[in-house]
Amino acid sequence: MSEQIKQVILDSIAVKQQLLNDETVIAKLDAISDLIVDAFRNGKKVLFCGNGGSAADAQHLAAEFSGRFYLDREALPAEALHVNTSYLTAIANDYSFEVAYARLVKGIGHAGDVLVGLSTSGNSPNIIEAFKAAKEKGMITIGFTGETGGKLKPLSDHLFNVPSKTTPRIQESHIMLGHIICQLVEERYFAAKS
């Protein structure tokens, strides 16, 4: 049993090691952080969406912006699109779950806002539809996926496709990448204000 546990930890480290050694990922983290800082400075917001564990990660990352990360500071405008269960269940029931995020993006998204979609496969229909709606609104799309990027790849202005096909390893890397972005955004945005 202990060998199995150690192997899971080693597998997680191996995926993160690939990310660490990929200079394009490092550069992208830096660029995306600046992009989000610019969006906040321009009065824009960041919206997140995902399903299952990715919905939990979406909500987690939104809370890092709207709550706090390291600094005791003012809230930043960020929200996960699935947190209104009355809306979500009504749309899923009356229309389809596939359009649940897209309808909300059409309703509250504006040009220059940022939509972050987390989908380990990159093929979640409701995330794909949300990205299509975001494109129509002139929003910036950032995808977090697994190895191939799936159908979300061509719809993403910026893509973090984690080099793995294993859902837990992908999700562990998504939250790590998201935390790095949250830290950099918080430091950069509030350093400029102090």
N, C-alpha and C. Protein backbone atom coordinates (compact mmCIF):
# COMPACT_ATOMS: atom_id res chain seq x y z
N MET A 1 0.83 -1.21 0.00
CA MET A 1 0.00 0.00 0.00
C MET A 1 0.86 1.26 0.00
N SER A 2 1.94 1.26 0.80
CA SER A 2 2.77 2.46 0.87
C SER A 2 3.46 2.72 -0.47
N GLU A 3 3.78 1.68 -1.22
CA GLU A 3 4.39 1.87 -2.54
C GLU A 3 3.40 2.50 -3.51
N GLN A 4 2.14 2.10 -3.41
CA GLN A 4 1.11 2.69 -4.26
C GLN A 4 0.94 4.19 -3.95
N ILE A 5 0.95 4.51 -2.67
CA ILE A 5 0.82 5.91 -2.26
C ILE A 5 2.00 6.72 -2.78
N LYS A 6 3.19 6.17 -2.62
CA LYS A 6 4.39 6.86 -3.09
C LYS A 6 4.36 7.06 -4.61
N GLN A 7 3.82 6.07 -5.32
CA GLN A 7 3.75 6.18 -6.77
C GLN A 7 2.81 7.30 -7.21
N VAL A 8 1.69 7.45 -6.50
CA VAL A 8 0.75 8.53 -6.82
C VAL A 8 1.45 9.88 -6.63
N ILE A 9 2.17 10.01 -5.54
CA ILE A 9 2.89 11.26 -5.27
C ILE A 9 3.95 11.50 -6.35
N LEU A 10 4.69 10.46 -6.71
CA LEU A 10 5.71 10.58 -7.75
C LEU A 10 5.10 10.96 -9.10
N ASP A 11 3.94 10.38 -9.41
CA ASP A 11 3.26 10.71 -10.67
C ASP A 11 2.86 12.18 -10.70
N SER A 12 2.37 12.69 -9.56
CA SER A 12 1.99 14.10 -9.48
C SER A 12 3.21 15.00 -9.64
N ILE A 13 4.29 14.62 -9.00
CA ILE A 13 5.53 15.39 -9.12
C ILE A 13 6.03 15.38 -10.56
N ALA A 14 5.93 14.24 -11.23
CA ALA A 14 6.43 14.13 -12.61
C ALA A 14 5.70 15.08 -13.55
N VAL A 15 4.39 15.20 -13.39
CA VAL A 15 3.63 16.12 -14.23
C VAL A 15 4.05 17.56 -13.95
N LYS A 16 4.17 17.89 -12.68
CA LYS A 16 4.57 19.25 -12.31
C LYS A 16 6.01 19.55 -12.76
N GLN A 17 6.86 18.54 -12.75
CA GLN A 17 8.23 18.71 -13.22
C GLN A 17 8.26 19.06 -14.71
N GLN A 18 7.36 18.43 -15.48
CA GLN A 18 7.27 18.77 -16.91
C GLN A 18 6.85 20.22 -17.10
N LEU A 19 5.92 20.67 -16.27
CA LEU A 19 5.49 22.07 -16.34
C LEU A 19 6.63 23.01 -15.96
N LEU A 20 7.37 22.64 -14.93
CA LEU A 20 8.49 23.44 -14.47
C LEU A 20 9.56 23.60 -15.55
N ASN A 21 9.78 22.54 -16.31
CA ASN A 21 10.83 22.55 -17.33
C ASN A 21 10.37 23.10 -18.68
N ASP A 22 9.11 23.49 -18.77
CA ASP A 22 8.57 24.02 -20.02
C ASP A 22 8.56 25.55 -19.95
N GLU A 23 9.53 26.17 -20.61
CA GLU A 23 9.66 27.63 -20.56
C GLU A 23 8.45 28.35 -21.13
N THR A 24 7.72 27.71 -22.06
CA THR A 24 6.53 28.36 -22.60
C THR A 24 5.44 28.45 -21.52
N VAL A 25 5.37 27.47 -20.64
CA VAL A 25 4.40 27.52 -19.54
C VAL A 25 4.76 28.65 -18.59
N ILE A 26 6.04 28.77 -18.26
CA ILE A 26 6.49 29.82 -17.35
C ILE A 26 6.19 31.19 -17.96
N ALA A 27 6.50 31.36 -19.23
CA ALA A 27 6.23 32.63 -19.90
C ALA A 27 4.73 32.92 -19.96
N LYS A 28 3.94 31.87 -20.19
CA LYS A 28 2.49 32.04 -20.27
C LYS A 28 1.91 32.45 -18.92
N LEU A 29 2.41 31.87 -17.83
CA LEU A 29 1.95 32.25 -16.50
C LEU A 29 2.20 33.73 -16.25
N ASP A 30 3.37 34.20 -16.66
CA ASP A 30 3.73 35.60 -16.51
C ASP A 30 2.81 36.49 -17.35
N ALA A 31 2.60 36.12 -18.61
CA ALA A 31 1.78 36.92 -19.52
C ALA A 31 0.31 36.93 -19.09
N ILE A 32 -0.22 35.79 -18.70
CA ILE A 32 -1.63 35.70 -18.28
C ILE A 32 -1.86 36.53 -17.03
N SER A 33 -0.89 36.51 -16.12
CA SER A 33 -1.01 37.31 -14.90
C SER A 33 -1.11 38.79 -15.25
N ASP A 34 -0.27 39.25 -16.16
CA ASP A 34 -0.34 40.65 -16.60
C ASP A 34 -1.67 40.95 -17.29
N LEU A 35 -2.14 40.02 -18.10
CA LEU A 35 -3.40 40.19 -18.81
C LEU A 35 -4.56 40.38 -17.81
N ILE A 36 -4.57 39.57 -16.75
CA ILE A 36 -5.65 39.67 -15.75
C ILE A 36 -5.51 40.95 -14.95
N VAL A 37 -4.29 41.34 -14.61
CA VAL A 37 -4.08 42.62 -13.92
C VAL A 37 -4.63 43.75 -14.78
N ASP A 38 -4.32 43.75 -16.06
CA ASP A 38 -4.83 44.79 -16.96
C ASP A 38 -6.35 44.79 -17.01
N ALA A 39 -6.95 43.60 -17.04
CA ALA A 39 -8.42 43.51 -17.04
C ALA A 39 -8.99 44.15 -15.78
N PHE A 40 -8.44 43.81 -14.63
CA PHE A 40 -8.92 44.41 -13.37
C PHE A 40 -8.72 45.93 -13.37
N ARG A 41 -7.59 46.38 -13.84
CA ARG A 41 -7.32 47.83 -13.88
C ARG A 41 -8.30 48.56 -14.79
N ASN A 42 -8.80 47.86 -15.80
CA ASN A 42 -9.76 48.45 -16.73
C ASN A 42 -11.21 48.23 -16.32
N GLY A 43 -11.42 47.84 -15.07
CA GLY A 43 -12.77 47.67 -14.56
C GLY A 43 -13.47 46.42 -15.04
N LYS A 44 -12.71 45.44 -15.51
CA LYS A 44 -13.29 44.19 -16.01
C LYS A 44 -13.28 43.12 -14.91
N LYS A 45 -13.93 42.00 -15.19
CA LYS A 45 -14.03 40.92 -14.22
C LYS A 45 -13.49 39.62 -14.80
N VAL A 46 -13.28 38.66 -13.91
CA VAL A 46 -12.84 37.33 -14.32
C VAL A 46 -13.91 36.34 -13.89
N LEU A 47 -14.41 35.57 -14.84
CA LEU A 47 -15.42 34.54 -14.59
C LEU A 47 -14.77 33.17 -14.78
N PHE A 48 -15.21 32.22 -13.97
CA PHE A 48 -14.66 30.87 -14.02
C PHE A 48 -15.79 29.86 -14.24
N CYS A 49 -15.48 28.77 -14.93
CA CYS A 49 -16.45 27.69 -15.07
C CYS A 49 -15.74 26.34 -15.16
N GLY A 50 -16.43 25.32 -14.68
CA GLY A 50 -15.92 23.96 -14.70
C GLY A 50 -17.02 23.01 -14.26
N ASN A 51 -16.75 21.73 -14.31
CA ASN A 51 -17.71 20.70 -13.90
C ASN A 51 -17.04 19.77 -12.88
N GLY A 52 -17.81 19.30 -11.93
CA GLY A 52 -17.28 18.36 -10.95
C GLY A 52 -16.13 18.95 -10.16
N GLY A 53 -14.99 18.23 -10.12
CA GLY A 53 -13.82 18.73 -9.42
C GLY A 53 -13.32 20.03 -10.02
N SER A 54 -13.49 20.19 -11.32
CA SER A 54 -13.08 21.43 -11.97
C SER A 54 -13.99 22.60 -11.58
N ALA A 55 -15.25 22.32 -11.25
CA ALA A 55 -16.13 23.37 -10.73
C ALA A 55 -15.64 23.81 -9.35
N ALA A 56 -15.21 22.84 -8.55
CA ALA A 56 -14.66 23.18 -7.24
C ALA A 56 -13.41 24.02 -7.40
N ASP A 57 -12.56 23.67 -8.35
CA ASP A 57 -11.34 24.46 -8.61
C ASP A 57 -11.69 25.85 -9.12
N ALA A 58 -12.70 25.94 -9.99
CA ALA A 58 -13.14 27.23 -10.51
C ALA A 58 -13.61 28.13 -9.36
N GLN A 59 -14.41 27.57 -8.48
CA GLN A 59 -14.92 28.33 -7.34
C GLN A 59 -13.77 28.72 -6.40
N HIS A 60 -12.85 27.81 -6.19
CA HIS A 60 -11.69 28.05 -5.34
C HIS A 60 -10.87 29.23 -5.87
N LEU A 61 -10.56 29.22 -7.17
CA LEU A 61 -9.74 30.28 -7.75
C LEU A 61 -10.47 31.62 -7.77
N ALA A 62 -11.76 31.59 -8.04
CA ALA A 62 -12.55 32.83 -8.00
C ALA A 62 -12.49 33.44 -6.60
N ALA A 63 -12.57 32.59 -5.60
CA ALA A 63 -12.53 33.06 -4.21
C ALA A 63 -11.17 33.65 -3.84
N GLU A 64 -10.11 33.16 -4.46
CA GLU A 64 -8.78 33.72 -4.19
C GLU A 64 -8.72 35.17 -4.65
N PHE A 65 -9.42 35.49 -5.75
CA PHE A 65 -9.46 36.87 -6.23
C PHE A 65 -10.47 37.71 -5.44
N SER A 66 -11.68 37.21 -5.27
CA SER A 66 -12.71 38.01 -4.63
C SER A 66 -12.54 38.08 -3.12
N GLY A 67 -11.84 37.11 -2.55
CA GLY A 67 -11.55 37.14 -1.12
C GLY A 67 -10.18 37.74 -0.89
N ARG A 68 -9.19 36.85 -0.84
CA ARG A 68 -7.81 37.26 -0.71
C ARG A 68 -6.93 36.06 -0.98
N PHE A 69 -5.69 36.29 -1.27
CA PHE A 69 -4.73 35.20 -1.42
C PHE A 69 -3.72 35.33 -0.29
N TYR A 70 -2.67 36.11 -0.48
CA TYR A 70 -1.73 36.36 0.61
C TYR A 70 -1.97 37.70 1.30
N LEU A 71 -2.38 38.68 0.52
CA LEU A 71 -2.46 40.05 1.03
C LEU A 71 -3.83 40.37 1.63
N ASP A 72 -3.82 41.19 2.66
CA ASP A 72 -5.06 41.73 3.21
C ASP A 72 -5.39 42.94 2.36
N ARG A 73 -6.34 42.79 1.45
CA ARG A 73 -6.59 43.83 0.45
C ARG A 73 -8.06 43.82 0.05
N GLU A 74 -8.41 44.77 -0.83
CA GLU A 74 -9.79 44.87 -1.31
C GLU A 74 -10.11 43.69 -2.24
N ALA A 75 -11.38 43.42 -2.39
CA ALA A 75 -11.83 42.32 -3.26
C ALA A 75 -11.63 42.67 -4.72
N LEU A 76 -11.37 41.64 -5.51
CA LEU A 76 -11.29 41.79 -6.96
C LEU A 76 -12.52 41.13 -7.58
N PRO A 77 -13.05 41.66 -8.69
CA PRO A 77 -14.29 41.15 -9.27
C PRO A 77 -14.09 39.81 -10.00
N ALA A 78 -14.37 38.73 -9.30
CA ALA A 78 -14.25 37.39 -9.87
C ALA A 78 -15.35 36.50 -9.29
N GLU A 79 -15.86 35.60 -10.13
CA GLU A 79 -16.94 34.71 -9.69
C GLU A 79 -16.95 33.44 -10.51
N ALA A 80 -17.37 32.36 -9.88
CA ALA A 80 -17.58 31.09 -10.58
C ALA A 80 -19.04 31.05 -11.04
N LEU A 81 -19.25 30.66 -12.27
CA LEU A 81 -20.58 30.75 -12.88
C LEU A 81 -21.59 29.74 -12.34
N HIS A 82 -21.15 28.75 -11.61
CA HIS A 82 -22.07 27.71 -11.15
C HIS A 82 -22.61 27.93 -9.73
N VAL A 83 -22.26 29.03 -9.09
CA VAL A 83 -22.59 29.17 -7.67
C VAL A 83 -24.07 29.48 -7.39
N ASN A 84 -24.82 29.89 -8.41
CA ASN A 84 -26.25 30.14 -8.22
C ASN A 84 -27.01 28.88 -8.62
N THR A 85 -27.30 28.03 -7.64
CA THR A 85 -27.92 26.73 -7.94
C THR A 85 -29.34 26.88 -8.48
N SER A 86 -30.05 27.92 -8.09
CA SER A 86 -31.40 28.12 -8.64
C SER A 86 -31.32 28.38 -10.14
N TYR A 87 -30.39 29.27 -10.53
CA TYR A 87 -30.19 29.53 -11.96
C TYR A 87 -29.75 28.25 -12.68
N LEU A 88 -28.73 27.61 -12.16
CA LEU A 88 -28.14 26.45 -12.83
C LEU A 88 -29.14 25.33 -13.04
N THR A 89 -29.92 25.02 -12.00
CA THR A 89 -30.89 23.92 -12.13
C THR A 89 -32.06 24.30 -13.02
N ALA A 90 -32.46 25.58 -12.98
CA ALA A 90 -33.56 26.02 -13.85
C ALA A 90 -33.16 25.92 -15.33
N ILE A 91 -31.97 26.40 -15.66
CA ILE A 91 -31.52 26.36 -17.05
C ILE A 91 -31.31 24.93 -17.50
N ALA A 92 -30.70 24.12 -16.65
CA ALA A 92 -30.50 22.70 -17.01
C ALA A 92 -31.83 22.00 -17.24
N ASN A 93 -32.82 22.34 -16.45
CA ASN A 93 -34.14 21.72 -16.58
C ASN A 93 -34.92 22.28 -17.77
N ASP A 94 -34.94 23.61 -17.91
CA ASP A 94 -35.76 24.25 -18.94
C ASP A 94 -35.13 24.24 -20.32
N TYR A 95 -33.82 24.26 -20.40
CA TYR A 95 -33.11 24.26 -21.68
C TYR A 95 -32.24 23.01 -21.76
N SER A 96 -30.99 23.14 -21.33
CA SER A 96 -30.09 21.99 -21.22
C SER A 96 -28.87 22.44 -20.44
N PHE A 97 -28.20 21.48 -19.83
CA PHE A 97 -27.00 21.82 -19.08
C PHE A 97 -25.92 22.36 -20.01
N GLU A 98 -25.98 21.99 -21.26
CA GLU A 98 -25.00 22.42 -22.24
C GLU A 98 -24.94 23.94 -22.40
N VAL A 99 -26.06 24.62 -22.20
CA VAL A 99 -26.09 26.07 -22.39
C VAL A 99 -26.05 26.87 -21.09
N ALA A 100 -25.96 26.17 -19.97
CA ALA A 100 -26.06 26.85 -18.67
C ALA A 100 -25.03 27.96 -18.50
N TYR A 101 -23.78 27.70 -18.82
CA TYR A 101 -22.74 28.72 -18.68
C TYR A 101 -22.81 29.75 -19.80
N ALA A 102 -23.12 29.32 -21.00
CA ALA A 102 -23.19 30.24 -22.14
C ALA A 102 -24.25 31.32 -21.93
N ARG A 103 -25.40 30.93 -21.42
CA ARG A 103 -26.47 31.92 -21.19
C ARG A 103 -26.03 32.97 -20.18
N LEU A 104 -25.32 32.53 -19.14
CA LEU A 104 -24.85 33.47 -18.13
C LEU A 104 -23.75 34.37 -18.69
N VAL A 105 -22.87 33.81 -19.50
CA VAL A 105 -21.83 34.62 -20.15
C VAL A 105 -22.49 35.68 -21.02
N LYS A 106 -23.52 35.30 -21.78
CA LYS A 106 -24.23 36.26 -22.62
C LYS A 106 -24.90 37.35 -21.79
N GLY A 107 -25.35 36.97 -20.59
CA GLY A 107 -26.06 37.93 -19.73
C GLY A 107 -25.16 38.88 -18.97
N ILE A 108 -24.03 38.40 -18.50
CA ILE A 108 -23.20 39.25 -17.63
C ILE A 108 -21.79 39.52 -18.17
N GLY A 109 -21.41 38.86 -19.25
CA GLY A 109 -20.08 39.06 -19.82
C GLY A 109 -20.03 40.31 -20.67
N HIS A 110 -18.87 40.96 -20.65
CA HIS A 110 -18.65 42.16 -21.45
C HIS A 110 -17.30 42.06 -22.15
N ALA A 111 -17.15 42.78 -23.22
CA ALA A 111 -15.87 42.82 -23.93
C ALA A 111 -14.76 43.19 -22.95
N GLY A 112 -13.67 42.45 -23.01
CA GLY A 112 -12.54 42.71 -22.12
C GLY A 112 -12.57 41.92 -20.84
N ASP A 113 -13.74 41.35 -20.47
CA ASP A 113 -13.78 40.44 -19.33
C ASP A 113 -13.01 39.17 -19.69
N VAL A 114 -12.64 38.42 -18.67
CA VAL A 114 -11.89 37.18 -18.86
C VAL A 114 -12.74 36.00 -18.43
N LEU A 115 -12.78 34.97 -19.28
CA LEU A 115 -13.46 33.72 -18.92
C LEU A 115 -12.42 32.62 -18.84
N VAL A 116 -12.34 31.99 -17.66
CA VAL A 116 -11.43 30.87 -17.44
C VAL A 116 -12.27 29.60 -17.37
N GLY A 117 -11.98 28.65 -18.25
CA GLY A 117 -12.70 27.38 -18.28
C GLY A 117 -11.77 26.23 -17.93
N LEU A 118 -12.19 25.41 -16.99
CA LEU A 118 -11.40 24.25 -16.58
C LEU A 118 -12.12 22.98 -17.03
N SER A 119 -11.44 22.19 -17.84
CA SER A 119 -12.00 20.94 -18.36
C SER A 119 -10.84 19.98 -18.61
N THR A 120 -10.75 18.92 -17.84
CA THR A 120 -9.60 18.02 -17.98
C THR A 120 -9.52 17.42 -19.38
N SER A 121 -10.67 17.14 -19.98
CA SER A 121 -10.68 16.58 -21.34
C SER A 121 -10.57 17.67 -22.39
N GLY A 122 -11.04 18.86 -22.05
CA GLY A 122 -11.15 19.93 -23.04
C GLY A 122 -12.36 19.76 -23.93
N ASN A 123 -13.24 18.83 -23.58
CA ASN A 123 -14.39 18.52 -24.43
C ASN A 123 -15.74 18.68 -23.72
N SER A 124 -15.77 19.38 -22.61
CA SER A 124 -17.03 19.57 -21.88
C SER A 124 -17.94 20.50 -22.68
N PRO A 125 -19.11 19.99 -23.12
CA PRO A 125 -19.98 20.81 -23.98
C PRO A 125 -20.37 22.16 -23.39
N ASN A 126 -20.63 22.22 -22.09
CA ASN A 126 -21.06 23.49 -21.51
C ASN A 126 -19.92 24.50 -21.43
N ILE A 127 -18.68 24.03 -21.29
CA ILE A 127 -17.54 24.94 -21.29
C ILE A 127 -17.28 25.42 -22.72
N ILE A 128 -17.39 24.53 -23.67
CA ILE A 128 -17.22 24.89 -25.08
C ILE A 128 -18.23 25.96 -25.49
N GLU A 129 -19.49 25.76 -25.12
CA GLU A 129 -20.53 26.74 -25.46
C GLU A 129 -20.28 28.06 -24.76
N ALA A 130 -19.78 28.02 -23.54
CA ALA A 130 -19.46 29.26 -22.81
C ALA A 130 -18.34 30.02 -23.52
N PHE A 131 -17.33 29.28 -24.02
CA PHE A 131 -16.23 29.93 -24.73
C PHE A 131 -16.72 30.53 -26.04
N LYS A 132 -17.63 29.86 -26.73
CA LYS A 132 -18.19 30.42 -27.96
C LYS A 132 -18.94 31.72 -27.66
N ALA A 133 -19.72 31.72 -26.58
CA ALA A 133 -20.46 32.92 -26.19
C ALA A 133 -19.50 34.05 -25.81
N ALA A 134 -18.42 33.67 -25.10
CA ALA A 134 -17.42 34.67 -24.70
C ALA A 134 -16.76 35.30 -25.91
N LYS A 135 -16.47 34.49 -26.92
CA LYS A 135 -15.87 35.02 -28.15
C LYS A 135 -16.80 36.04 -28.80
N GLU A 136 -18.09 35.72 -28.84
CA GLU A 136 -19.07 36.63 -29.43
C GLU A 136 -19.13 37.96 -28.68
N LYS A 137 -18.87 37.92 -27.37
CA LYS A 137 -18.93 39.12 -26.54
C LYS A 137 -17.61 39.89 -26.54
N GLY A 138 -16.56 39.35 -27.14
CA GLY A 138 -15.26 40.02 -27.12
C GLY A 138 -14.50 39.81 -25.84
N MET A 139 -14.80 38.72 -25.15
CA MET A 139 -14.10 38.38 -23.91
C MET A 139 -12.80 37.64 -24.23
N ILE A 140 -11.92 37.60 -23.26
CA ILE A 140 -10.66 36.86 -23.36
C ILE A 140 -10.89 35.48 -22.75
N THR A 141 -10.50 34.42 -23.46
CA THR A 141 -10.72 33.07 -22.97
C THR A 141 -9.41 32.39 -22.61
N ILE A 142 -9.41 31.77 -21.42
CA ILE A 142 -8.25 31.05 -20.92
C ILE A 142 -8.71 29.63 -20.58
N GLY A 143 -8.17 28.65 -21.28
CA GLY A 143 -8.52 27.26 -21.05
C GLY A 143 -7.49 26.54 -20.20
N PHE A 144 -7.98 25.71 -19.29
CA PHE A 144 -7.15 24.80 -18.51
C PHE A 144 -7.63 23.40 -18.86
N THR A 145 -6.79 22.61 -19.51
CA THR A 145 -7.20 21.28 -19.97
C THR A 145 -6.11 20.26 -19.66
N GLY A 146 -6.32 19.06 -20.20
CA GLY A 146 -5.30 18.02 -20.18
C GLY A 146 -4.45 18.11 -21.43
N GLU A 147 -3.75 17.04 -21.69
CA GLU A 147 -2.70 16.98 -22.70
C GLU A 147 -3.06 17.53 -24.08
N THR A 148 -4.20 17.12 -24.61
CA THR A 148 -4.50 17.49 -26.01
C THR A 148 -5.16 18.86 -26.15
N GLY A 149 -5.79 19.33 -25.11
CA GLY A 149 -6.55 20.58 -25.20
C GLY A 149 -7.97 20.35 -25.67
N GLY A 150 -8.21 19.23 -26.33
CA GLY A 150 -9.56 18.89 -26.79
C GLY A 150 -10.16 19.96 -27.68
N LYS A 151 -11.48 20.01 -27.70
CA LYS A 151 -12.20 20.98 -28.52
C LYS A 151 -12.07 22.41 -27.98
N LEU A 152 -11.62 22.53 -26.75
CA LEU A 152 -11.44 23.86 -26.16
C LEU A 152 -10.21 24.57 -26.71
N LYS A 153 -9.27 23.81 -27.22
CA LYS A 153 -8.00 24.37 -27.69
C LYS A 153 -8.20 25.50 -28.71
N PRO A 154 -8.95 25.29 -29.79
CA PRO A 154 -9.08 26.38 -30.77
C PRO A 154 -9.94 27.55 -30.27
N LEU A 155 -10.70 27.35 -29.20
CA LEU A 155 -11.55 28.41 -28.66
C LEU A 155 -10.85 29.22 -27.58
N SER A 156 -9.65 28.79 -27.19
CA SER A 156 -8.91 29.44 -26.10
C SER A 156 -7.92 30.45 -26.67
N ASP A 157 -8.03 31.68 -26.19
CA ASP A 157 -7.00 32.67 -26.54
C ASP A 157 -5.67 32.26 -25.92
N HIS A 158 -5.76 31.66 -24.75
CA HIS A 158 -4.59 31.17 -24.01
C HIS A 158 -4.96 29.82 -23.43
N LEU A 159 -4.04 28.86 -23.53
CA LEU A 159 -4.34 27.49 -23.10
C LEU A 159 -3.23 26.93 -22.23
N PHE A 160 -3.62 26.38 -21.10
CA PHE A 160 -2.72 25.58 -20.27
C PHE A 160 -3.17 24.13 -20.43
N ASN A 161 -2.51 23.40 -21.30
CA ASN A 161 -2.85 21.99 -21.46
C ASN A 161 -1.79 21.16 -20.73
N VAL A 162 -2.19 20.68 -19.57
CA VAL A 162 -1.31 19.93 -18.67
C VAL A 162 -0.90 18.63 -19.35
N PRO A 163 0.40 18.29 -19.34
CA PRO A 163 0.88 17.10 -20.04
C PRO A 163 0.54 15.79 -19.32
N SER A 164 -0.74 15.48 -19.28
CA SER A 164 -1.20 14.24 -18.64
C SER A 164 -2.57 13.87 -19.21
N LYS A 165 -2.89 12.59 -19.12
CA LYS A 165 -4.22 12.10 -19.50
C LYS A 165 -4.99 11.63 -18.27
N THR A 166 -4.41 11.80 -17.10
CA THR A 166 -5.00 11.31 -15.85
C THR A 166 -5.68 12.47 -15.12
N THR A 167 -7.01 12.37 -14.95
CA THR A 167 -7.79 13.47 -14.39
C THR A 167 -7.25 14.02 -13.07
N PRO A 168 -6.96 13.19 -12.06
CA PRO A 168 -6.47 13.78 -10.81
C PRO A 168 -5.15 14.54 -10.97
N ARG A 169 -4.25 14.02 -11.79
CA ARG A 169 -2.96 14.71 -12.00
C ARG A 169 -3.17 16.04 -12.73
N ILE A 170 -4.11 16.05 -13.67
CA ILE A 170 -4.42 17.29 -14.40
C ILE A 170 -4.99 18.32 -13.42
N GLN A 171 -5.96 17.90 -12.61
CA GLN A 171 -6.60 18.84 -11.68
C GLN A 171 -5.62 19.37 -10.65
N GLU A 172 -4.70 18.51 -10.18
CA GLU A 172 -3.69 18.98 -9.23
C GLU A 172 -2.82 20.07 -9.86
N SER A 173 -2.52 19.91 -11.12
CA SER A 173 -1.71 20.91 -11.82
C SER A 173 -2.52 22.17 -12.11
N HIS A 174 -3.81 22.01 -12.42
CA HIS A 174 -4.65 23.19 -12.65
C HIS A 174 -4.66 24.10 -11.42
N ILE A 175 -4.83 23.50 -10.25
CA ILE A 175 -4.91 24.35 -9.05
C ILE A 175 -3.56 24.98 -8.75
N MET A 176 -2.48 24.27 -9.03
CA MET A 176 -1.15 24.85 -8.83
C MET A 176 -0.94 26.03 -9.78
N LEU A 177 -1.24 25.85 -11.07
CA LEU A 177 -1.11 26.93 -12.04
C LEU A 177 -2.01 28.11 -11.66
N GLY A 178 -3.22 27.80 -11.26
CA GLY A 178 -4.16 28.85 -10.84
C GLY A 178 -3.65 29.62 -9.64
N HIS A 179 -3.08 28.93 -8.68
CA HIS A 179 -2.54 29.60 -7.50
C HIS A 179 -1.37 30.51 -7.87
N ILE A 180 -0.54 30.08 -8.79
CA ILE A 180 0.57 30.93 -9.23
C ILE A 180 0.03 32.21 -9.85
N ILE A 181 -0.98 32.08 -10.70
CA ILE A 181 -1.59 33.26 -11.32
C ILE A 181 -2.19 34.17 -10.26
N CYS A 182 -2.91 33.60 -9.30
CA CYS A 182 -3.52 34.41 -8.23
C CYS A 182 -2.46 35.18 -7.47
N GLN A 183 -1.36 34.53 -7.14
CA GLN A 183 -0.29 35.19 -6.39
C GLN A 183 0.31 36.34 -7.20
N LEU A 184 0.63 36.07 -8.46
CA LEU A 184 1.25 37.11 -9.30
C LEU A 184 0.30 38.28 -9.54
N VAL A 185 -0.97 37.97 -9.79
CA VAL A 185 -1.95 39.04 -10.03
C VAL A 185 -2.09 39.90 -8.79
N GLU A 186 -2.23 39.27 -7.65
CA GLU A 186 -2.40 40.02 -6.40
C GLU A 186 -1.19 40.92 -6.15
N GLU A 187 0.00 40.37 -6.29
CA GLU A 187 1.22 41.15 -6.06
C GLU A 187 1.31 42.32 -7.04
N ARG A 188 1.07 42.07 -8.30
CA ARG A 188 1.23 43.10 -9.32
C ARG A 188 0.13 44.17 -9.25
N TYR A 189 -1.08 43.74 -9.06
CA TYR A 189 -2.19 44.70 -9.02
C TYR A 189 -2.08 45.63 -7.81
N PHE A 190 -1.82 45.06 -6.64
CA PHE A 190 -1.81 45.87 -5.43
C PHE A 190 -0.48 46.57 -5.20
N ALA A 191 0.60 46.10 -5.78
CA ALA A 191 1.89 46.81 -5.70
C ALA A 191 1.77 48.13 -6.44
N ALA A 192 1.06 48.13 -7.55
CA ALA A 192 0.88 49.34 -8.34
C ALA A 192 -0.01 50.35 -7.63
N LYS A 193 -0.86 49.89 -6.70
CA LYS A 193 -1.79 50.77 -6.01
C LYS A 193 -1.20 51.35 -4.73
N SER A 194 -0.09 50.75 -4.26
CA SER A 194 0.46 51.22 -2.98
C SER A 194 1.53 52.27 -3.16
